[in-house]
PDB file of all heavy atoms in Angstrom:
ATOM      1  N   GLY A   1      -4.544   8.172  -2.977  1.00  0.00           N
ATOM      2  CA  GLY A   1      -5.972   8.175  -2.703  1.00  0.00           C
ATOM      3  C   GLY A   1      -6.644   6.940  -2.960  1.00  0.00           C
ATOM      4  O   GLY A   1      -6.091   5.905  -3.356  1.00  0.00           O
ATOM      5  N   GLY A   2      -8.029   6.980  -2.755  1.00  0.00           N
ATOM      6  CA  GLY A   2      -8.900   5.780  -3.005  1.00  0.00           C
ATOM      7  C   GLY A   2      -9.363   5.188  -1.790  1.00  0.00           C
ATOM      8  O   GLY A   2      -9.183   5.639  -0.675  1.00  0.00           O
ATOM      9  N   ASP A   3     -10.055   4.107  -1.906  1.00  0.00           N
ATOM     10  CA  ASP A   3     -10.762   3.362  -0.932  1.00  0.00           C
ATOM     11  C   ASP A   3     -10.033   2.054  -0.509  1.00  0.00           C
ATOM     12  O   ASP A   3      -8.883   1.900  -0.891  1.00  0.00           O
ATOM     13  CB  ASP A   3     -12.256   3.180  -1.247  1.00  0.00           C
ATOM     14  CG  ASP A   3     -12.478   2.400  -2.514  1.00  0.00           C
ATOM     15  OD1 ASP A   3     -11.550   1.710  -3.029  1.00  0.00           O
ATOM     16  OD2 ASP A   3     -13.561   2.534  -3.115  1.00  0.00           O
ATOM     17  N   LEU A   4     -10.782   1.130  -0.077  1.00  0.00           N
ATOM     18  CA  LEU A   4     -10.169  -0.211   0.322  1.00  0.00           C
ATOM     19  C   LEU A   4      -9.584  -0.968  -0.936  1.00  0.00           C
ATOM     20  O   LEU A   4      -8.599  -1.729  -0.719  1.00  0.00           O
ATOM     21  CB  LEU A   4     -11.195  -1.075   0.975  1.00  0.00           C
ATOM     22  CG  LEU A   4     -11.692  -0.633   2.456  1.00  0.00           C
ATOM     23  CD1 LEU A   4     -12.770  -1.620   3.000  1.00  0.00           C
ATOM     24  CD2 LEU A   4     -10.443  -0.625   3.343  1.00  0.00           C
ATOM     25  N   ARG A   5     -10.148  -0.641  -2.072  1.00  0.00           N
ATOM     26  CA  ARG A   5      -9.558  -1.264  -3.266  1.00  0.00           C
ATOM     27  C   ARG A   5      -8.123  -0.880  -3.527  1.00  0.00           C
ATOM     28  O   ARG A   5      -7.267  -1.702  -3.749  1.00  0.00           O
ATOM     29  CB  ARG A   5     -10.417  -1.014  -4.527  1.00  0.00           C
ATOM     30  CG  ARG A   5     -11.761  -1.694  -4.575  1.00  0.00           C
ATOM     31  CD  ARG A   5     -12.660  -1.103  -5.673  1.00  0.00           C
ATOM     32  NE  ARG A   5     -13.098   0.256  -5.341  1.00  0.00           N
ATOM     33  CZ  ARG A   5     -13.940   0.885  -6.124  1.00  0.00           C
ATOM     34  NH1 ARG A   5     -14.476   0.373  -7.246  1.00  0.00           N
ATOM     35  NH2 ARG A   5     -14.357   2.125  -5.818  1.00  0.00           N
ATOM     36  N   GLN A   6      -7.880   0.418  -3.371  1.00  0.00           N
ATOM     37  CA  GLN A   6      -6.502   0.959  -3.511  1.00  0.00           C
ATOM     38  C   GLN A   6      -5.606   0.464  -2.400  1.00  0.00           C
ATOM     39  O   GLN A   6      -4.429   0.271  -2.611  1.00  0.00           O
ATOM     40  CB  GLN A   6      -6.588   2.434  -3.699  1.00  0.00           C
ATOM     41  CG  GLN A   6      -6.853   2.929  -5.011  1.00  0.00           C
ATOM     42  CD  GLN A   6      -8.283   2.749  -5.521  1.00  0.00           C
ATOM     43  OE1 GLN A   6      -9.164   2.746  -4.716  1.00  0.00           O
ATOM     44  NE2 GLN A   6      -8.401   2.383  -6.896  1.00  0.00           N
ATOM     45  N   GLU A   7      -6.207   0.368  -1.192  1.00  0.00           N
ATOM     46  CA  GLU A   7      -5.291  -0.181  -0.078  1.00  0.00           C
ATOM     47  C   GLU A   7      -4.921  -1.498  -0.398  1.00  0.00           C
ATOM     48  O   GLU A   7      -3.715  -1.846  -0.163  1.00  0.00           O
ATOM     49  CB  GLU A   7      -6.134  -0.103   1.209  1.00  0.00           C
ATOM     50  CG  GLU A   7      -5.376  -0.476   2.414  1.00  0.00           C
ATOM     51  CD  GLU A   7      -6.213  -0.438   3.713  1.00  0.00           C
ATOM     52  OE1 GLU A   7      -6.936  -1.421   4.000  1.00  0.00           O
ATOM     53  OE2 GLU A   7      -6.186   0.655   4.319  1.00  0.00           O
ATOM     54  N   LYS A   8      -5.797  -2.467  -0.799  1.00  0.00           N
ATOM     55  CA  LYS A   8      -5.429  -3.920  -1.093  1.00  0.00           C
ATOM     56  C   LYS A   8      -4.507  -3.855  -2.352  1.00  0.00           C
ATOM     57  O   LYS A   8      -3.608  -4.674  -2.448  1.00  0.00           O
ATOM     58  CB  LYS A   8      -6.694  -4.587  -1.391  1.00  0.00           C
ATOM     59  CG  LYS A   8      -7.571  -4.797  -0.190  1.00  0.00           C
ATOM     60  CD  LYS A   8      -6.657  -5.349   1.069  1.00  0.00           C
ATOM     61  CE  LYS A   8      -7.629  -5.568   2.287  1.00  0.00           C
ATOM     62  NZ  LYS A   8      -6.859  -6.154   3.450  1.00  0.00           N
ATOM     63  N   LEU A   9      -4.714  -2.941  -3.415  1.00  0.00           N
ATOM     64  CA  LEU A   9      -3.889  -2.812  -4.479  1.00  0.00           C
ATOM     65  C   LEU A   9      -2.440  -2.626  -4.236  1.00  0.00           C
ATOM     66  O   LEU A   9      -1.558  -3.173  -4.563  1.00  0.00           O
ATOM     67  CB  LEU A   9      -4.439  -1.695  -5.463  1.00  0.00           C
ATOM     68  CG  LEU A   9      -3.526  -1.289  -6.526  1.00  0.00           C
ATOM     69  CD1 LEU A   9      -3.301  -2.423  -7.574  1.00  0.00           C
ATOM     70  CD2 LEU A   9      -4.163  -0.102  -7.273  1.00  0.00           C
ATOM     71  N   ALA A  10      -2.241  -1.562  -3.236  1.00  0.00           N
ATOM     72  CA  ALA A  10      -0.955  -1.237  -2.852  1.00  0.00           C
ATOM     73  C   ALA A  10      -0.258  -2.361  -2.155  1.00  0.00           C
ATOM     74  O   ALA A  10       0.946  -2.629  -2.420  1.00  0.00           O
ATOM     75  CB  ALA A  10      -0.928  -0.046  -1.870  1.00  0.00           C
ATOM     76  N   GLN A  11      -0.949  -3.059  -1.335  1.00  0.00           N
ATOM     77  CA  GLN A  11      -0.487  -4.338  -0.615  1.00  0.00           C
ATOM     78  C   GLN A  11      -0.025  -5.308  -1.599  1.00  0.00           C
ATOM     79  O   GLN A  11       1.010  -5.928  -1.495  1.00  0.00           O
ATOM     80  CB  GLN A  11      -1.452  -4.760   0.391  1.00  0.00           C
ATOM     81  CG  GLN A  11      -0.990  -6.037   1.118  1.00  0.00           C
ATOM     82  CD  GLN A  11      -2.112  -6.592   2.047  1.00  0.00           C
ATOM     83  OE1 GLN A  11      -2.873  -5.774   2.597  1.00  0.00           O
ATOM     84  NE2 GLN A  11      -2.151  -7.859   2.162  1.00  0.00           N
ATOM     85  N   LEU A  12      -0.891  -5.617  -2.612  1.00  0.00           N
ATOM     86  CA  LEU A  12      -0.580  -6.669  -3.643  1.00  0.00           C
ATOM     87  C   LEU A  12       0.609  -6.304  -4.496  1.00  0.00           C
ATOM     88  O   LEU A  12       1.481  -7.193  -4.779  1.00  0.00           O
ATOM     89  CB  LEU A  12      -1.829  -6.874  -4.452  1.00  0.00           C
ATOM     90  CG  LEU A  12      -3.052  -7.548  -3.831  1.00  0.00           C
ATOM     91  CD1 LEU A  12      -4.227  -7.440  -4.712  1.00  0.00           C
ATOM     92  CD2 LEU A  12      -2.709  -8.971  -3.378  1.00  0.00           C
ATOM     93  N   LEU A  13       0.687  -5.078  -4.725  1.00  0.00           N
ATOM     94  CA  LEU A  13       1.842  -4.534  -5.574  1.00  0.00           C
ATOM     95  C   LEU A  13       3.178  -4.750  -4.833  1.00  0.00           C
ATOM     96  O   LEU A  13       4.253  -5.201  -5.390  1.00  0.00           O
ATOM     97  CB  LEU A  13       1.692  -3.183  -6.048  1.00  0.00           C
ATOM     98  CG  LEU A  13       0.641  -2.791  -7.033  1.00  0.00           C
ATOM     99  CD1 LEU A  13       0.360  -1.331  -7.164  1.00  0.00           C
ATOM    100  CD2 LEU A  13       0.989  -3.406  -8.436  1.00  0.00           C
ATOM    101  N   ALA A  14       3.156  -4.437  -3.542  1.00  0.00           N
ATOM    102  CA  ALA A  14       4.354  -4.598  -2.719  1.00  0.00           C
ATOM    103  C   ALA A  14       4.700  -6.099  -2.609  1.00  0.00           C
ATOM    104  O   ALA A  14       5.832  -6.466  -2.589  1.00  0.00           O
ATOM    105  CB  ALA A  14       4.184  -3.937  -1.349  1.00  0.00           C
ATOM    106  N   GLU A  15       3.653  -6.946  -2.418  1.00  0.00           N
ATOM    107  CA  GLU A  15       3.926  -8.355  -2.273  1.00  0.00           C
ATOM    108  C   GLU A  15       4.500  -8.922  -3.700  1.00  0.00           C
ATOM    109  O   GLU A  15       5.252  -9.953  -3.525  1.00  0.00           O
ATOM    110  CB  GLU A  15       2.637  -9.103  -1.973  1.00  0.00           C
ATOM    111  CG  GLU A  15       2.129  -8.814  -0.561  1.00  0.00           C
ATOM    112  CD  GLU A  15       0.742  -9.421  -0.144  1.00  0.00           C
ATOM    113  OE1 GLU A  15       0.159  -9.886  -1.172  1.00  0.00           O
ATOM    114  OE2 GLU A  15       0.364  -9.328   0.964  1.00  0.00           O
ATOM    115  N   ASP A  16       4.249  -8.314  -4.750  1.00  0.00           N
ATOM    116  CA  ASP A  16       4.790  -8.705  -6.028  1.00  0.00           C
ATOM    117  C   ASP A  16       6.310  -8.274  -6.169  1.00  0.00           C
ATOM    118  O   ASP A  16       6.896  -8.491  -7.298  1.00  0.00           O
ATOM    119  CB  ASP A  16       4.061  -8.145  -7.158  1.00  0.00           C
ATOM    120  CG  ASP A  16       2.713  -8.891  -7.297  1.00  0.00           C
ATOM    121  OD1 ASP A  16       2.554  -9.903  -6.772  1.00  0.00           O
ATOM    122  OD2 ASP A  16       1.821  -8.480  -8.055  1.00  0.00           O
ATOM    123  N   GLY A  17       6.809  -7.522  -5.166  1.00  0.00           N
ATOM    124  CA  GLY A  17       8.141  -7.174  -5.197  1.00  0.00           C
ATOM    125  C   GLY A  17       8.530  -5.740  -5.644  1.00  0.00           C
ATOM    126  O   GLY A  17       9.614  -5.294  -5.810  1.00  0.00           O
ATOM    127  N   HIS A  18       7.410  -4.936  -5.875  1.00  0.00           N
ATOM    128  CA  HIS A  18       7.633  -3.545  -6.258  1.00  0.00           C
ATOM    129  C   HIS A  18       7.865  -2.612  -5.014  1.00  0.00           C
ATOM    130  O   HIS A  18       7.441  -2.937  -3.877  1.00  0.00           O
ATOM    131  CB  HIS A  18       6.351  -2.999  -6.972  1.00  0.00           C
ATOM    132  CG  HIS A  18       6.194  -3.844  -8.265  1.00  0.00           C
ATOM    133  ND1 HIS A  18       7.051  -3.906  -9.330  1.00  0.00           N
ATOM    134  CD2 HIS A  18       5.053  -4.689  -8.497  1.00  0.00           C
ATOM    135  CE1 HIS A  18       6.516  -4.649 -10.306  1.00  0.00           C
ATOM    136  NE2 HIS A  18       5.372  -5.185  -9.785  1.00  0.00           N
ATOM    137  N   THR A  19       8.492  -1.520  -5.162  1.00  0.00           N
ATOM    138  CA  THR A  19       8.568  -0.533  -4.080  1.00  0.00           C
ATOM    139  C   THR A  19       7.350   0.380  -4.274  1.00  0.00           C
ATOM    140  O   THR A  19       7.177   1.117  -5.155  1.00  0.00           O
ATOM    141  CB  THR A  19       9.868   0.417  -4.251  1.00  0.00           C
ATOM    142  OG1 THR A  19      10.978  -0.496  -4.180  1.00  0.00           O
ATOM    143  CG2 THR A  19       9.878   1.441  -3.187  1.00  0.00           C
ATOM    144  N   VAL A  20       6.520   0.384  -3.219  1.00  0.00           N
ATOM    145  CA  VAL A  20       5.208   1.068  -3.243  1.00  0.00           C
ATOM    146  C   VAL A  20       5.025   2.077  -2.117  1.00  0.00           C
ATOM    147  O   VAL A  20       5.328   1.852  -1.029  1.00  0.00           O
ATOM    148  CB  VAL A  20       4.049   0.062  -3.100  1.00  0.00           C
ATOM    149  CG1 VAL A  20       2.731   0.659  -3.250  1.00  0.00           C
ATOM    150  CG2 VAL A  20       4.162  -0.986  -4.145  1.00  0.00           C
ATOM    151  N   HIS A  21       4.629   3.281  -2.652  1.00  0.00           N
ATOM    152  CA  HIS A  21       4.385   4.376  -1.624  1.00  0.00           C
ATOM    153  C   HIS A  21       2.885   4.687  -1.835  1.00  0.00           C
ATOM    154  O   HIS A  21       2.337   4.689  -2.848  1.00  0.00           O
ATOM    155  CB  HIS A  21       5.227   5.616  -2.023  1.00  0.00           C
ATOM    156  CG  HIS A  21       6.654   5.337  -2.075  1.00  0.00           C
ATOM    157  ND1 HIS A  21       7.469   5.645  -1.054  1.00  0.00           N
ATOM    158  CD2 HIS A  21       7.423   4.871  -3.142  1.00  0.00           C
ATOM    159  CE1 HIS A  21       8.684   5.356  -1.398  1.00  0.00           C
ATOM    160  NE2 HIS A  21       8.741   4.899  -2.618  1.00  0.00           N
ATOM    161  N   THR A  22       2.239   4.976  -0.664  1.00  0.00           N
ATOM    162  CA  THR A  22       0.854   5.494  -0.702  1.00  0.00           C
ATOM    163  C   THR A  22       0.691   6.850  -0.147  1.00  0.00           C
ATOM    164  O   THR A  22       1.565   7.285   0.647  1.00  0.00           O
ATOM    165  CB  THR A  22      -0.051   4.549   0.216  1.00  0.00           C
ATOM    166  OG1 THR A  22       0.366   4.626   1.521  1.00  0.00           O
ATOM    167  CG2 THR A  22       0.037   3.058  -0.328  1.00  0.00           C
ATOM    168  N   TYR A  23      -0.212   7.647  -0.658  1.00  0.00           N
ATOM    169  CA  TYR A  23      -0.458   8.907  -0.191  1.00  0.00           C
ATOM    170  C   TYR A  23      -1.979   9.149  -0.160  1.00  0.00           C
ATOM    171  O   TYR A  23      -2.620   8.721  -1.109  1.00  0.00           O
ATOM    172  CB  TYR A  23       0.188   9.952  -1.120  1.00  0.00           C
ATOM    173  CG  TYR A  23      -0.158  11.443  -0.769  1.00  0.00           C
ATOM    174  CD1 TYR A  23       0.447  12.043   0.270  1.00  0.00           C
ATOM    175  CD2 TYR A  23      -1.016  12.156  -1.547  1.00  0.00           C
ATOM    176  CE1 TYR A  23       0.211  13.389   0.679  1.00  0.00           C
ATOM    177  CE2 TYR A  23      -1.322  13.431  -1.297  1.00  0.00           C
ATOM    178  CZ  TYR A  23      -0.752  14.007  -0.174  1.00  0.00           C
ATOM    179  OH  TYR A  23      -1.034  15.346   0.164  1.00  0.00           O
ATOM    180  N   ALA A  24      -2.492   9.847   0.902  1.00  0.00           N
ATOM    181  CA  ALA A  24      -3.884  10.085   1.091  1.00  0.00           C
ATOM    182  C   ALA A  24      -4.700   8.785   1.097  1.00  0.00           C
ATOM    183  O   ALA A  24      -5.820   8.725   0.560  1.00  0.00           O
ATOM    184  CB  ALA A  24      -4.414  10.964  -0.068  1.00  0.00           C
ATOM    185  N   LEU A  25      -4.099   7.742   1.632  1.00  0.00           N
ATOM    186  CA  LEU A  25      -4.763   6.462   1.705  1.00  0.00           C
ATOM    187  C   LEU A  25      -4.731   5.843   3.137  1.00  0.00           C
ATOM    188  O   LEU A  25      -5.057   4.721   3.331  1.00  0.00           O
ATOM    189  CB  LEU A  25      -4.004   5.466   0.763  1.00  0.00           C
ATOM    190  CG  LEU A  25      -4.714   4.170   0.442  1.00  0.00           C
ATOM    191  CD1 LEU A  25      -5.989   4.393  -0.196  1.00  0.00           C
ATOM    192  CD2 LEU A  25      -3.780   3.328  -0.561  1.00  0.00           C
ATOM    193  N   GLY A  26      -4.429   6.699   4.086  1.00  0.00           N
ATOM    194  CA  GLY A  26      -4.381   6.262   5.476  1.00  0.00           C
ATOM    195  C   GLY A  26      -3.129   5.409   5.727  1.00  0.00           C
ATOM    196  O   GLY A  26      -2.347   5.295   4.891  1.00  0.00           O
ATOM    197  N   GLN A  27      -3.121   4.793   6.938  1.00  0.00           N
ATOM    198  CA  GLN A  27      -2.045   3.923   7.288  1.00  0.00           C
ATOM    199  C   GLN A  27      -2.370   2.515   6.930  1.00  0.00           C
ATOM    200  O   GLN A  27      -3.453   2.046   6.959  1.00  0.00           O
ATOM    201  CB  GLN A  27      -1.813   3.949   8.857  1.00  0.00           C
ATOM    202  CG  GLN A  27      -1.155   5.275   9.244  1.00  0.00           C
ATOM    203  CD  GLN A  27       0.212   5.588   8.697  1.00  0.00           C
ATOM    204  OE1 GLN A  27       1.002   4.655   8.537  1.00  0.00           O
ATOM    205  NE2 GLN A  27       0.371   6.772   8.337  1.00  0.00           N
ATOM    206  N   PRO A  28      -1.365   1.736   6.367  1.00  0.00           N
ATOM    207  CA  PRO A  28      -1.616   0.338   5.975  1.00  0.00           C
ATOM    208  C   PRO A  28      -2.239  -0.410   7.195  1.00  0.00           C
ATOM    209  O   PRO A  28      -1.758  -0.273   8.408  1.00  0.00           O
ATOM    210  CB  PRO A  28      -0.292  -0.158   5.526  1.00  0.00           C
ATOM    211  CG  PRO A  28       0.517   1.057   5.194  1.00  0.00           C
ATOM    212  CD  PRO A  28       0.019   2.150   6.114  1.00  0.00           C
ATOM    213  N   GLN A  29      -3.098  -1.306   6.952  1.00  0.00           N
ATOM    214  CA  GLN A  29      -3.621  -2.136   8.096  1.00  0.00           C
ATOM    215  C   GLN A  29      -2.701  -3.200   8.503  1.00  0.00           C
ATOM    216  O   GLN A  29      -2.927  -3.671   9.577  1.00  0.00           O
ATOM    217  CB  GLN A  29      -5.008  -2.786   7.543  1.00  0.00           C
ATOM    218  CG  GLN A  29      -6.085  -1.803   7.269  1.00  0.00           C
ATOM    219  CD  GLN A  29      -7.445  -2.435   6.985  1.00  0.00           C
ATOM    220  OE1 GLN A  29      -7.538  -3.617   6.910  1.00  0.00           O
ATOM    221  NE2 GLN A  29      -8.410  -1.680   6.763  1.00  0.00           N
ATOM    222  N   GLU A  30      -1.782  -3.581   7.750  1.00  0.00           N
ATOM    223  CA  GLU A  30      -0.775  -4.567   8.023  1.00  0.00           C
ATOM    224  C   GLU A  30       0.656  -4.208   7.466  1.00  0.00           C
ATOM    225  O   GLU A  30       0.593  -3.585   6.337  1.00  0.00           O
ATOM    226  CB  GLU A  30      -1.180  -5.946   7.794  1.00  0.00           C
ATOM    227  CG  GLU A  30      -1.365  -6.158   6.311  1.00  0.00           C
ATOM    228  CD  GLU A  30      -1.952  -7.570   6.004  1.00  0.00           C
ATOM    229  OE1 GLU A  30      -1.124  -8.477   5.816  1.00  0.00           O
ATOM    230  OE2 GLU A  30      -3.221  -7.774   5.888  1.00  0.00           O
ATOM    231  N   ALA A  31       1.594  -4.499   8.157  1.00  0.00           N
ATOM    232  CA  ALA A  31       3.002  -4.181   7.658  1.00  0.00           C
ATOM    233  C   ALA A  31       3.409  -4.999   6.500  1.00  0.00           C
ATOM    234  O   ALA A  31       3.310  -6.349   6.619  1.00  0.00           O
ATOM    235  CB  ALA A  31       4.028  -4.290   8.897  1.00  0.00           C
ATOM    236  N   VAL A  32       3.793  -4.480   5.430  1.00  0.00           N
ATOM    237  CA  VAL A  32       4.237  -5.212   4.244  1.00  0.00           C
ATOM    238  C   VAL A  32       5.603  -4.747   3.787  1.00  0.00           C
ATOM    239  O   VAL A  32       5.645  -3.498   3.616  1.00  0.00           O
ATOM    240  CB  VAL A  32       3.171  -5.172   3.094  1.00  0.00           C
ATOM    241  CG1 VAL A  32       3.631  -6.017   1.890  1.00  0.00           C
ATOM    242  CG2 VAL A  32       1.899  -5.705   3.562  1.00  0.00           C
ATOM    243  N   SER A  33       6.531  -5.546   3.530  1.00  0.00           N
ATOM    244  CA  SER A  33       7.857  -5.174   3.048  1.00  0.00           C
ATOM    245  C   SER A  33       7.710  -4.421   1.740  1.00  0.00           C
ATOM    246  O   SER A  33       7.013  -4.878   0.766  1.00  0.00           O
ATOM    247  CB  SER A  33       8.702  -6.317   2.924  1.00  0.00           C
ATOM    248  OG  SER A  33      10.072  -5.983   2.368  1.00  0.00           O
ATOM    249  N   GLY A  34       8.352  -3.229   1.658  1.00  0.00           N
ATOM    250  CA  GLY A  34       8.327  -2.452   0.419  1.00  0.00           C
ATOM    251  C   GLY A  34       7.133  -1.470   0.298  1.00  0.00           C
ATOM    252  O   GLY A  34       6.994  -0.815  -0.681  1.00  0.00           O
ATOM    253  N   LEU A  35       6.257  -1.480   1.318  1.00  0.00           N
ATOM    254  CA  LEU A  35       5.123  -0.615   1.336  1.00  0.00           C
ATOM    255  C   LEU A  35       5.204   0.470   2.391  1.00  0.00           C
ATOM    256  O   LEU A  35       5.484   0.173   3.532  1.00  0.00           O
ATOM    257  CB  LEU A  35       3.761  -1.333   1.576  1.00  0.00           C
ATOM    258  CG  LEU A  35       2.567  -0.675   1.679  1.00  0.00           C
ATOM    259  CD1 LEU A  35       2.265   0.137   0.385  1.00  0.00           C
ATOM    260  CD2 LEU A  35       1.332  -1.607   2.019  1.00  0.00           C
ATOM    261  N   THR A  36       5.195   1.769   1.856  1.00  0.00           N
ATOM    262  CA  THR A  36       5.336   2.918   2.820  1.00  0.00           C
ATOM    263  C   THR A  36       4.261   3.874   2.687  1.00  0.00           C
ATOM    264  O   THR A  36       4.010   4.298   1.556  1.00  0.00           O
ATOM    265  CB  THR A  36       6.722   3.608   2.540  1.00  0.00           C
ATOM    266  OG1 THR A  36       7.742   2.614   2.677  1.00  0.00           O
ATOM    267  CG2 THR A  36       7.071   4.660   3.567  1.00  0.00           C
ATOM    268  N   ALA A  37       3.679   4.324   3.725  1.00  0.00           N
ATOM    269  CA  ALA A  37       2.652   5.358   3.698  1.00  0.00           C
ATOM    270  C   ALA A  37       3.365   6.699   3.803  1.00  0.00           C
ATOM    271  O   ALA A  37       4.200   6.961   4.778  1.00  0.00           O
ATOM    272  CB  ALA A  37       1.678   5.225   4.753  1.00  0.00           C
ATOM    273  N   GLU A  38       3.175   7.746   2.894  1.00  0.00           N
ATOM    274  CA  GLU A  38       3.801   8.943   2.869  1.00  0.00           C
ATOM    275  C   GLU A  38       2.940  10.039   3.189  1.00  0.00           C
ATOM    276  O   GLU A  38       1.784  10.027   3.029  1.00  0.00           O
ATOM    277  CB  GLU A  38       4.408   9.238   1.429  1.00  0.00           C
ATOM    278  CG  GLU A  38       5.304   8.144   0.923  1.00  0.00           C
ATOM    279  CD  GLU A  38       6.668   8.155   1.490  1.00  0.00           C
ATOM    280  OE1 GLU A  38       6.976   9.014   2.405  1.00  0.00           O
ATOM    281  OE2 GLU A  38       7.521   7.242   1.159  1.00  0.00           O
TER     282      GLU A  38
END
């Protein structure tokens, strides 16, 4: 969940090398390795 802050948070975490899943956050605006919308 969350707004644009959480969307950017998920992207930044993935860019740091973590495996990141999002839920109730819509589709990522850009493809990032390690980031998956569930």
